[in-house]
Protein backbone atom coordinates (compact mmCIF):
# COMPACT_ATOMS: atom_id res chain seq x y z
CA MET A 1 3.16 -9.09 9.97
CA LYS A 2 4.83 -6.15 11.61
CA ASN A 3 3.00 -2.94 12.55
CA ASN A 4 5.94 -0.66 12.24
CA MET A 5 5.71 2.09 9.65
CA GLN A 6 4.38 5.60 9.27
CA MET A 7 3.96 7.62 6.06
CA TYR A 8 4.56 11.32 5.65
CA VAL A 9 3.61 13.57 2.74
CA ASN A 10 5.20 17.04 2.66
CA GLY A 11 6.45 16.42 6.19
CA GLN A 12 2.96 15.74 7.53
CA LEU A 13 2.03 12.40 9.09
CA VAL A 14 -0.80 10.89 7.00
CA LEU A 15 -0.73 7.20 7.95
CA ASP A 16 0.46 5.75 11.23
CA ASN A 17 -0.52 2.09 11.10
CA ILE A 18 1.30 0.56 8.13
CA ARG A 19 1.91 -3.16 8.38
CA VAL A 20 4.85 -4.52 6.42
CA ALA A 21 4.71 -7.70 4.35
CA ASP A 22 8.29 -8.56 3.46
CA THR A 23 8.45 -12.35 3.50
CA VAL A 24 7.32 -14.61 0.68
CA TRP A 25 4.35 -15.89 2.68
CA GLN A 26 3.27 -12.43 3.95
CA ARG A 27 3.49 -11.00 0.43
CA PHE A 28 1.45 -13.90 -1.00
CA VAL A 29 -1.31 -13.69 1.64
CA GLY A 30 -1.48 -9.89 1.97
CA LEU A 31 -5.08 -8.96 2.84
CA ILE A 32 -6.68 -12.20 1.60
CA GLY A 33 -9.44 -13.36 3.92
CA THR A 34 -9.87 -10.03 5.72
CA LYS A 35 -13.39 -8.62 5.98
CA GLU A 36 -12.54 -4.94 6.04
CA PHE A 37 -9.69 -2.45 5.98
CA ALA A 38 -9.73 0.17 8.77
CA ALA A 39 -9.63 3.79 7.63
CA ASN A 40 -6.08 4.55 8.80
CA ASP A 41 -4.54 1.14 8.06
CA ALA A 42 -2.25 0.25 5.18
CA LEU A 43 -0.18 -2.68 4.01
CA LEU A 44 3.27 -2.12 2.49
CA ILE A 45 4.39 -5.05 0.37
CA MET A 46 8.05 -5.24 -0.60
CA PRO A 47 9.52 -6.13 -2.91
CA CYS A 48 6.42 -5.95 -5.06
CA ASN A 49 5.53 -4.69 -8.53
CA SER A 50 2.12 -6.34 -8.92
CA VAL A 51 -0.87 -7.20 -6.75
CA HIS A 52 -3.84 -9.49 -7.24
CA MET A 53 -7.26 -9.32 -5.65
CA PHE A 54 -8.10 -13.04 -5.77
CA GLY A 55 -9.87 -13.99 -2.55
CA MET A 56 -10.56 -10.37 -1.60
CA ARG A 57 -14.01 -9.14 -0.57
CA TYR A 58 -13.67 -5.38 -1.01
CA PRO A 59 -11.91 -2.86 -3.29
CA ILE A 60 -8.65 -1.16 -2.31
CA ASP A 61 -6.35 1.58 -3.57
CA VAL A 62 -2.83 0.52 -4.60
CA VAL A 63 0.11 2.93 -4.77
CA PHE A 64 3.25 1.66 -6.49
CA LEU A 65 6.47 3.24 -5.24
CA THR A 66 10.18 3.31 -5.96
CA ARG A 67 12.58 2.24 -3.22
CA SER A 68 13.06 5.93 -2.33
CA GLY A 69 9.32 6.70 -2.10
CA THR A 70 8.47 8.27 -5.45
CA ILE A 71 4.95 7.36 -6.57
CA LEU A 72 5.01 5.64 -9.96
CA LYS A 73 1.37 4.62 -10.31
CA VAL A 74 -1.88 4.95 -8.37
CA VAL A 75 -4.72 2.47 -8.88
CA CYS A 76 -7.95 3.60 -7.23
CA LYS A 77 -10.67 1.19 -6.13
CA LEU A 78 -9.12 -1.99 -7.51
CA LYS A 79 -11.97 -4.51 -7.34
CA PRO A 80 -11.93 -8.11 -6.13
CA MET A 81 -10.49 -10.46 -8.77
CA GLY A 82 -8.54 -7.54 -10.30
CA ILE A 83 -4.80 -7.26 -10.98
CA ALA A 84 -2.56 -4.19 -10.98
CA MET A 85 1.07 -3.95 -12.09
CA CYS A 86 3.90 -1.47 -12.37
CA ALA A 87 7.10 -3.03 -13.71
CA GLN A 88 9.39 -0.31 -12.31
CA ALA A 89 8.00 -0.43 -8.75
CA TYR A 90 9.95 -1.76 -5.78
CA GLN A 91 7.03 -1.70 -3.34
CA ALA A 92 3.24 -1.49 -3.29
CA LEU A 93 1.16 0.26 -0.66
CA GLU A 94 -2.37 -1.09 -0.26
CA LEU A 95 -4.89 1.34 1.22
CA PRO A 96 -8.62 1.43 1.94
CA ALA A 97 -10.54 2.45 -1.20
CA GLY A 98 -10.69 6.24 -1.53
CA THR A 99 -7.61 6.90 0.61
CA ALA A 100 -5.26 7.72 -2.28
CA VAL A 101 -7.56 10.52 -3.46
CA ARG A 102 -8.23 11.73 0.09
CA LEU A 103 -4.47 12.02 0.73
CA GLY A 104 -3.74 13.56 -2.67
CA LEU A 105 -1.38 10.77 -3.69
CA ALA A 106 -0.35 11.18 -7.32
CA VAL A 107 2.35 10.07 -9.75
CA ARG A 108 5.77 11.72 -9.14
CA LYS A 109 4.81 12.79 -5.62
CA GLU A 110 7.33 11.86 -2.92
CA VAL A 111 6.33 10.08 0.29
CA THR A 112 8.49 9.26 3.28
CA LEU A 113 8.11 5.92 5.03
CA ARG A 114 9.55 5.71 8.53
CA ALA A 115 9.92 2.75 10.84
CA LEU A 116 8.36 3.12 14.27
CA MET A 117 10.75 2.73 17.16
CA ASP A 118 9.85 -0.01 19.62
């Protein structure tokens, strides 16, 4: 998985360690088997309009986004064995539980995702 994205809200950097899962295998595996999710980490899965928590050990927040970065749905503290979906989403951002509320992420809010330059 690549560590190559940052997320901005209202022009302010809010996440700077977003890994991208954009292959079939990376999207399937996601966070399965990990023991924890660091506070400033995130996983962007694309394309993706649903996530499952089978094999997970801890809850996460899931933010479903359009291709352009409009938030369509926010699922807070999705528990292990849970499923979340948003048919209109192009991508899903997985965050440590509580991060969506802490960052004020809400439906119809715009976020900007930028690739880090090597």
